[in-house]
Amino acid sequence: MAQTSEAVRQPKRALLLGSRVRQFIKRGGRLRYEPHKDPANGKLVWVVMGVFPDKTEEPVFTTTSGEHKHFRSADAMIQYHRQMCPDEDVLIVPMPASH
């Protein structure tokens, strides 16, 4: 019997929802923030990314709208990070690539 790529694929993870972020962090995950331009208005937003212990990443989705969780200001992002990761005292805020 021939081995297919299906056999070596990793099982698909459930979506990382905002309501599960604290559990995710307790299990060894961490948060990263990725700068993007909002397609609706062209303004900068930071999308919340969950980084799993195996270094793979997935966006965090909101439970209300199902959209990627994002912040429009660095202040809001810092406040969220403090709530989710109270033991961390450093947060790196990435800047968007300038083109």
N, C-alpha and C. Protein backbone atom coordinates (compact mmCIF):
# COMPACT_ATOMS: atom_id res chain seq x y z
N MET A 1 0.85 -1.17 0.00
CA MET A 1 0.00 0.00 0.00
C MET A 1 0.89 1.24 0.00
N ALA A 2 0.61 2.16 -0.86
CA ALA A 2 1.41 3.37 -1.00
C ALA A 2 1.07 4.35 0.11
N GLN A 3 2.08 4.98 0.66
CA GLN A 3 1.86 5.99 1.69
C GLN A 3 1.54 7.32 1.00
N THR A 4 0.51 7.97 1.47
CA THR A 4 0.13 9.25 0.89
C THR A 4 0.50 10.38 1.82
N SER A 5 0.49 11.60 1.30
CA SER A 5 0.81 12.76 2.14
C SER A 5 -0.24 12.95 3.22
N GLU A 6 -1.44 12.42 3.01
CA GLU A 6 -2.50 12.51 4.02
C GLU A 6 -2.08 11.85 5.33
N ALA A 7 -1.30 10.78 5.22
CA ALA A 7 -0.89 10.04 6.41
C ALA A 7 0.12 10.80 7.25
N VAL A 8 0.89 11.69 6.64
CA VAL A 8 1.91 12.41 7.40
C VAL A 8 1.47 13.80 7.82
N ARG A 9 0.29 14.22 7.44
CA ARG A 9 -0.19 15.54 7.84
C ARG A 9 -0.51 15.57 9.32
N GLN A 10 -0.27 16.74 9.91
CA GLN A 10 -0.63 16.92 11.31
C GLN A 10 -2.13 17.13 11.42
N PRO A 11 -2.71 16.73 12.54
CA PRO A 11 -4.14 16.96 12.70
C PRO A 11 -4.45 18.46 12.71
N LYS A 12 -5.57 18.81 12.14
CA LYS A 12 -5.96 20.21 12.07
C LYS A 12 -6.39 20.69 13.45
N ARG A 13 -5.95 21.88 13.82
CA ARG A 13 -6.31 22.47 15.10
C ARG A 13 -7.62 23.21 14.97
N ALA A 14 -8.32 23.32 16.10
CA ALA A 14 -9.52 24.15 16.14
C ALA A 14 -9.09 25.61 16.08
N LEU A 15 -9.98 26.48 15.63
CA LEU A 15 -9.68 27.90 15.60
C LEU A 15 -9.33 28.39 17.00
N LEU A 16 -8.38 29.29 17.07
CA LEU A 16 -8.00 29.89 18.34
C LEU A 16 -8.92 31.09 18.57
N LEU A 17 -9.85 30.93 19.48
CA LEU A 17 -10.83 31.97 19.76
C LEU A 17 -10.36 32.86 20.90
N GLY A 18 -10.77 34.11 20.86
CA GLY A 18 -10.40 35.07 21.89
C GLY A 18 -10.79 34.63 23.29
N SER A 19 -11.88 33.89 23.41
CA SER A 19 -12.33 33.43 24.72
C SER A 19 -11.45 32.31 25.28
N ARG A 20 -10.57 31.77 24.47
CA ARG A 20 -9.69 30.67 24.89
C ARG A 20 -8.23 31.08 25.05
N VAL A 21 -7.94 32.35 24.91
CA VAL A 21 -6.54 32.82 24.92
C VAL A 21 -5.87 32.54 26.27
N ARG A 22 -6.55 32.77 27.37
CA ARG A 22 -5.92 32.52 28.68
C ARG A 22 -5.53 31.05 28.83
N GLN A 23 -6.41 30.14 28.43
CA GLN A 23 -6.09 28.70 28.47
C GLN A 23 -4.91 28.38 27.55
N PHE A 24 -4.92 28.98 26.37
CA PHE A 24 -3.85 28.79 25.41
C PHE A 24 -2.51 29.20 26.03
N ILE A 25 -2.46 30.32 26.71
CA ILE A 25 -1.22 30.80 27.33
C ILE A 25 -0.81 29.88 28.49
N LYS A 26 -1.77 29.43 29.28
CA LYS A 26 -1.46 28.50 30.38
C LYS A 26 -0.86 27.20 29.87
N ARG A 27 -1.20 26.81 28.64
CA ARG A 27 -0.69 25.57 28.05
C ARG A 27 0.62 25.78 27.29
N GLY A 28 1.22 26.94 27.45
CA GLY A 28 2.53 27.18 26.85
C GLY A 28 2.54 28.04 25.61
N GLY A 29 1.38 28.53 25.19
CA GLY A 29 1.32 29.41 24.03
C GLY A 29 1.73 30.82 24.41
N ARG A 30 1.95 31.63 23.39
CA ARG A 30 2.24 33.04 23.65
C ARG A 30 1.59 33.87 22.56
N LEU A 31 1.59 35.17 22.74
CA LEU A 31 0.96 36.07 21.79
C LEU A 31 2.00 36.89 21.05
N ARG A 32 1.69 37.17 19.80
CA ARG A 32 2.51 38.02 18.96
C ARG A 32 1.55 38.94 18.21
N TYR A 33 1.99 40.11 17.84
CA TYR A 33 1.13 41.08 17.16
C TYR A 33 1.75 41.43 15.81
N GLU A 34 0.94 41.36 14.78
CA GLU A 34 1.41 41.54 13.42
C GLU A 34 0.76 42.78 12.80
N PRO A 35 1.56 43.75 12.34
CA PRO A 35 0.97 44.96 11.76
C PRO A 35 0.41 44.70 10.36
N HIS A 36 -0.77 45.24 10.11
CA HIS A 36 -1.43 45.13 8.80
C HIS A 36 -2.15 46.44 8.52
N LYS A 37 -2.40 46.68 7.25
CA LYS A 37 -3.26 47.81 6.89
C LYS A 37 -4.67 47.29 6.78
N ASP A 38 -5.60 47.98 7.43
CA ASP A 38 -7.01 47.62 7.38
C ASP A 38 -7.50 47.87 5.95
N PRO A 39 -8.01 46.83 5.27
CA PRO A 39 -8.44 47.04 3.88
C PRO A 39 -9.62 48.00 3.75
N ALA A 40 -10.40 48.14 4.81
CA ALA A 40 -11.57 49.03 4.75
C ALA A 40 -11.17 50.50 4.70
N ASN A 41 -10.11 50.87 5.46
CA ASN A 41 -9.77 52.29 5.53
C ASN A 41 -8.28 52.59 5.34
N GLY A 42 -7.46 51.56 5.18
CA GLY A 42 -6.03 51.76 4.96
C GLY A 42 -5.23 52.10 6.20
N LYS A 43 -5.87 52.13 7.37
CA LYS A 43 -5.17 52.46 8.61
C LYS A 43 -4.48 51.23 9.19
N LEU A 44 -3.47 51.48 10.00
CA LEU A 44 -2.70 50.42 10.64
C LEU A 44 -3.50 49.74 11.74
N VAL A 45 -3.46 48.41 11.75
CA VAL A 45 -4.02 47.61 12.85
C VAL A 45 -2.99 46.54 13.20
N TRP A 46 -3.06 46.02 14.42
CA TRP A 46 -2.21 44.92 14.83
C TRP A 46 -3.09 43.70 15.04
N VAL A 47 -2.85 42.65 14.26
CA VAL A 47 -3.59 41.40 14.36
C VAL A 47 -2.93 40.54 15.43
N VAL A 48 -3.75 39.94 16.30
CA VAL A 48 -3.25 39.08 17.38
C VAL A 48 -2.99 37.69 16.81
N MET A 49 -1.77 37.21 16.99
CA MET A 49 -1.37 35.88 16.54
C MET A 49 -1.04 35.02 17.75
N GLY A 50 -1.54 33.79 17.75
CA GLY A 50 -1.18 32.83 18.79
C GLY A 50 0.01 32.02 18.32
N VAL A 51 1.05 31.95 19.14
CA VAL A 51 2.25 31.18 18.82
C VAL A 51 2.23 29.94 19.70
N PHE A 52 2.12 28.78 19.08
CA PHE A 52 2.05 27.51 19.79
C PHE A 52 3.44 27.09 20.26
N PRO A 53 3.53 26.19 21.24
CA PRO A 53 4.85 25.75 21.72
C PRO A 53 5.73 25.18 20.61
N ASP A 54 5.13 24.62 19.54
CA ASP A 54 5.94 24.09 18.43
C ASP A 54 6.32 25.17 17.42
N LYS A 55 6.08 26.44 17.77
CA LYS A 55 6.43 27.64 16.99
C LYS A 55 5.51 27.90 15.80
N THR A 56 4.47 27.08 15.59
CA THR A 56 3.50 27.40 14.54
C THR A 56 2.63 28.53 15.05
N GLU A 57 2.04 29.26 14.12
CA GLU A 57 1.23 30.42 14.48
C GLU A 57 -0.11 30.37 13.79
N GLU A 58 -1.11 30.90 14.48
CA GLU A 58 -2.45 31.04 13.93
C GLU A 58 -3.05 32.33 14.46
N PRO A 59 -3.87 33.00 13.67
CA PRO A 59 -4.52 34.21 14.18
C PRO A 59 -5.55 33.87 15.25
N VAL A 60 -5.77 34.82 16.14
CA VAL A 60 -6.83 34.71 17.14
C VAL A 60 -8.09 35.29 16.51
N PHE A 61 -9.21 34.60 16.65
CA PHE A 61 -10.48 35.05 16.10
C PHE A 61 -11.39 35.53 17.22
N THR A 62 -12.19 36.55 16.94
CA THR A 62 -13.15 37.02 17.93
C THR A 62 -14.33 36.06 17.96
N THR A 63 -14.93 35.90 19.12
CA THR A 63 -16.08 34.99 19.23
C THR A 63 -17.35 35.65 18.72
N THR A 64 -17.40 36.97 18.71
CA THR A 64 -18.63 37.65 18.29
C THR A 64 -18.78 37.74 16.78
N SER A 65 -17.71 38.14 16.08
CA SER A 65 -17.82 38.34 14.64
C SER A 65 -17.12 37.27 13.81
N GLY A 66 -16.23 36.50 14.43
CA GLY A 66 -15.47 35.51 13.69
C GLY A 66 -14.33 36.10 12.89
N GLU A 67 -14.08 37.39 13.04
CA GLU A 67 -12.98 38.06 12.35
C GLU A 67 -11.68 37.91 13.15
N HIS A 68 -10.56 38.22 12.51
CA HIS A 68 -9.29 38.23 13.23
C HIS A 68 -9.34 39.30 14.31
N LYS A 69 -8.89 38.94 15.51
CA LYS A 69 -8.83 39.93 16.59
C LYS A 69 -7.70 40.90 16.26
N HIS A 70 -8.00 42.19 16.34
CA HIS A 70 -6.99 43.18 16.04
C HIS A 70 -7.21 44.43 16.89
N PHE A 71 -6.18 45.25 16.93
CA PHE A 71 -6.23 46.50 17.68
C PHE A 71 -5.85 47.65 16.77
N ARG A 72 -6.52 48.78 16.97
CA ARG A 72 -6.26 49.96 16.17
C ARG A 72 -5.22 50.88 16.80
N SER A 73 -4.91 50.64 18.08
CA SER A 73 -3.91 51.48 18.74
C SER A 73 -2.96 50.61 19.56
N ALA A 74 -1.73 51.09 19.70
CA ALA A 74 -0.75 50.38 20.50
C ALA A 74 -1.18 50.36 21.97
N ASP A 75 -1.83 51.42 22.43
CA ASP A 75 -2.30 51.46 23.82
C ASP A 75 -3.30 50.34 24.10
N ALA A 76 -4.23 50.13 23.19
CA ALA A 76 -5.22 49.05 23.36
C ALA A 76 -4.54 47.69 23.33
N MET A 77 -3.57 47.53 22.45
CA MET A 77 -2.83 46.28 22.36
C MET A 77 -2.06 46.00 23.65
N ILE A 78 -1.42 47.02 24.20
CA ILE A 78 -0.67 46.86 25.45
C ILE A 78 -1.61 46.49 26.59
N GLN A 79 -2.75 47.15 26.68
CA GLN A 79 -3.72 46.84 27.74
C GLN A 79 -4.19 45.39 27.63
N TYR A 80 -4.52 44.94 26.43
CA TYR A 80 -4.94 43.55 26.21
C TYR A 80 -3.84 42.58 26.62
N HIS A 81 -2.61 42.88 26.21
CA HIS A 81 -1.49 41.99 26.52
C HIS A 81 -1.27 41.90 28.04
N ARG A 82 -1.41 43.01 28.72
CA ARG A 82 -1.29 43.00 30.19
C ARG A 82 -2.35 42.13 30.84
N GLN A 83 -3.56 42.16 30.30
CA GLN A 83 -4.64 41.34 30.85
C GLN A 83 -4.39 39.86 30.58
N MET A 84 -3.96 39.52 29.39
CA MET A 84 -3.77 38.12 29.01
C MET A 84 -2.48 37.53 29.55
N CYS A 85 -1.44 38.35 29.66
CA CYS A 85 -0.11 37.88 30.05
C CYS A 85 0.42 38.72 31.21
N PRO A 86 -0.22 38.66 32.38
CA PRO A 86 0.18 39.55 33.48
C PRO A 86 1.59 39.30 34.00
N ASP A 87 2.17 38.14 33.74
CA ASP A 87 3.52 37.85 34.23
C ASP A 87 4.63 38.38 33.32
N GLU A 88 4.26 38.83 32.12
CA GLU A 88 5.27 39.35 31.19
C GLU A 88 5.45 40.85 31.42
N ASP A 89 6.71 41.28 31.37
CA ASP A 89 6.97 42.71 31.57
C ASP A 89 7.58 43.37 30.34
N VAL A 90 7.65 42.63 29.23
CA VAL A 90 8.18 43.18 27.98
C VAL A 90 7.22 42.81 26.85
N LEU A 91 6.94 43.78 26.00
CA LEU A 91 6.13 43.55 24.82
C LEU A 91 6.80 44.27 23.66
N ILE A 92 7.11 43.52 22.62
CA ILE A 92 7.70 44.11 21.43
C ILE A 92 6.57 44.45 20.47
N VAL A 93 6.51 45.71 20.07
CA VAL A 93 5.47 46.18 19.15
C VAL A 93 6.12 46.36 17.78
N PRO A 94 5.78 45.49 16.84
CA PRO A 94 6.41 45.59 15.53
C PRO A 94 5.87 46.76 14.71
N MET A 95 6.74 47.32 13.91
CA MET A 95 6.36 48.41 13.01
C MET A 95 6.07 47.80 11.64
N PRO A 96 5.16 48.39 10.89
CA PRO A 96 4.91 47.88 9.54
C PRO A 96 6.09 48.14 8.63
N ALA A 97 6.25 47.28 7.64
CA ALA A 97 7.33 47.48 6.67
C ALA A 97 7.02 48.75 5.89
N SER A 98 8.00 49.60 5.70
CA SER A 98 7.79 50.83 4.95
C SER A 98 8.08 50.58 3.48
N HIS A 99 7.14 50.96 2.65
CA HIS A 99 7.29 50.79 1.20
C HIS A 99 7.01 52.09 0.52
